C-alpha atoms as a PDB file:
ATOM      1  CA  MET A   1       0.000   0.000   0.000  1.00  0.00           C
ATOM      2  CA  THR A   2       1.173   3.491  -0.771  1.00  0.00           C
ATOM      3  CA  LEU A   3      -0.114   6.391   1.281  1.00  0.00           C
ATOM      4  CA  ARG A   4      -0.114   9.654  -0.608  1.00  0.00           C
ATOM      5  CA  LEU A   5      -0.156  12.784   1.524  1.00  0.00           C
ATOM      6  CA  THR A   6      -0.257  16.429   0.590  1.00  0.00           C
ATOM      7  CA  ASP A   7       2.882  18.384   1.362  1.00  0.00           C
ATOM      8  CA  ASP A   8       1.140  19.958   4.361  1.00  0.00           C
ATOM      9  CA  GLU A   9      -0.010  16.572   5.685  1.00  0.00           C
ATOM     10  CA  GLN A  10       3.451  15.107   5.268  1.00  0.00           C
ATOM     11  CA  GLN A  11       5.052  18.050   7.075  1.00  0.00           C
ATOM     12  CA  ALA A  12       2.540  17.824   9.922  1.00  0.00           C
ATOM     13  CA  LEU A  13       3.144  14.078  10.221  1.00  0.00           C
ATOM     14  CA  LYS A  14       6.919  14.602  10.242  1.00  0.00           C
ATOM     15  CA  GLU A  15       6.672  17.261  12.934  1.00  0.00           C
ATOM     16  CA  ARG A  16       4.376  15.099  15.088  1.00  0.00           C
ATOM     17  CA  ALA A  17       6.565  12.026  14.656  1.00  0.00           C
ATOM     18  CA  ASP A  18       9.714  14.006  15.469  1.00  0.00           C
ATOM     19  CA  ALA A  19       8.059  15.456  18.581  1.00  0.00           C
ATOM     20  CA  GLU A  20       7.163  11.943  19.747  1.00  0.00           C
ATOM     21  CA  GLY A  21      10.513  10.441  18.775  1.00  0.00           C
ATOM     22  CA  VAL A  22       9.015   7.911  16.377  1.00  0.00           C
ATOM     23  CA  SER A  23       9.248   7.338  12.654  1.00  0.00           C
ATOM     24  CA  MET A  24       6.669   8.795  10.316  1.00  0.00           C
ATOM     25  CA  GLN A  25       5.626   5.245   9.455  1.00  0.00           C
ATOM     26  CA  ASP A  26       5.046   4.355  13.107  1.00  0.00           C
ATOM     27  CA  ALA A  27       3.057   7.556  13.642  1.00  0.00           C
ATOM     28  CA  ALA A  28       0.903   6.849  10.577  1.00  0.00           C
ATOM     29  CA  ARG A  29       0.333   3.230  11.590  1.00  0.00           C
ATOM     30  CA  ARG A  30      -0.712   4.344  15.079  1.00  0.00           C
ATOM     31  CA  ALA A  31      -3.135   6.866  13.575  1.00  0.00           C
ATOM     32  CA  VAL A  32      -4.694   4.159  11.407  1.00  0.00           C
ATOM     33  CA  ARG A  33      -5.064   1.810  14.403  1.00  0.00           C
ATOM     34  CA  GLU A  34      -6.694   4.558  16.474  1.00  0.00           C
ATOM     35  CA  TYR A  35      -9.050   5.402  13.607  1.00  0.00           C
ATOM     36  CA  VAL A  36     -10.115   1.767  13.241  1.00  0.00           C
ATOM     37  CA  GLU A  37     -10.504   1.287  17.007  1.00  0.00           C
ATOM     38  CA  ARG A  38     -12.571   4.484  17.330  1.00  0.00           C
ATOM     39  CA  GLY A  39     -14.879   3.349  14.526  1.00  0.00           C
ATOM     40  CA  ALA A  40     -15.298  -0.073  16.134  1.00  0.00           C
ATOM     41  CA  HIS A  41     -16.095   1.583  19.476  1.00  0.00           C
ATOM     42  CA  VAL A  42     -18.762   3.779  17.902  1.00  0.00           C
ATOM     43  CA  SER A  43     -20.314   0.698  16.292  1.00  0.00           C
ATOM     44  CA  ARG A  44     -20.399  -1.138  19.633  1.00  0.00           C
ATOM     45  CA  VAL A  45     -21.988   1.841  21.397  1.00  0.00           C
ATOM     46  CA  MET A  46     -24.625   2.202  18.682  1.00  0.00           C
ATOM     47  CA  GLU A  47     -25.476  -1.503  18.893  1.00  0.00           C
ATOM     48  CA  ALA A  48     -25.725  -1.326  22.689  1.00  0.00           C
ATOM     49  CA  ALA A  49     -27.982   1.728  22.435  1.00  0.00           C
ATOM     50  CA  LYS A  50     -30.269  -0.115  20.021  1.00  0.00           C
ATOM     51  CA  GLN A  51     -30.519  -3.016  22.459  1.00  0.00           C
ATOM     52  CA  VAL A  52     -31.320  -0.713  25.375  1.00  0.00           C
ATOM     53  CA  ILE A  53     -34.005   1.050  23.342  1.00  0.00           C
ATOM     54  CA  ALA A  54     -35.494  -2.258  22.197  1.00  0.00           C
ATOM     55  CA  THR A  55     -35.565  -3.571  25.759  1.00  0.00           C
ATOM     56  CA  HIS A  56     -36.493  -0.417  27.686  1.00  0.00           C
ATOM     57  CA  GLY A  57     -38.080   1.839  25.053  1.00  0.00           C
ATOM     58  CA  ASP A  58     -41.377   2.203  26.893  1.00  0.00           C
ATOM     59  CA  ALA A  59     -39.687   3.244  30.123  1.00  0.00           C
ATOM     60  CA  LEU A  60     -37.436   5.673  28.263  1.00  0.00           C
ATOM     61  CA  ASP A  61     -40.475   7.233  26.608  1.00  0.00           C
ATOM     62  CA  ARG A  62     -42.185   7.681  29.968  1.00  0.00           C
ATOM     63  CA  LEU A  63     -39.049   9.227  31.466  1.00  0.00           C
ATOM     64  CA  GLY A  64     -38.867  11.671  28.566  1.00  0.00           C
ATOM     65  CA  ARG A  65     -42.312  13.103  29.281  1.00  0.00           C
END
């Protein structure tokens, strides 16, 4: 895989990586992992919310009045 960045993105990545004492590749890989993990977390929360609503929807409606 090739990751193409704009000049500004590449400079920002270099500066961040330098500040953290890691390679640009390691910083980019960490960012990808965090992005994937955050998306998975959002999916789990949404699924849990759907289950709560399905199970306790009536009570939630009454509490909202």
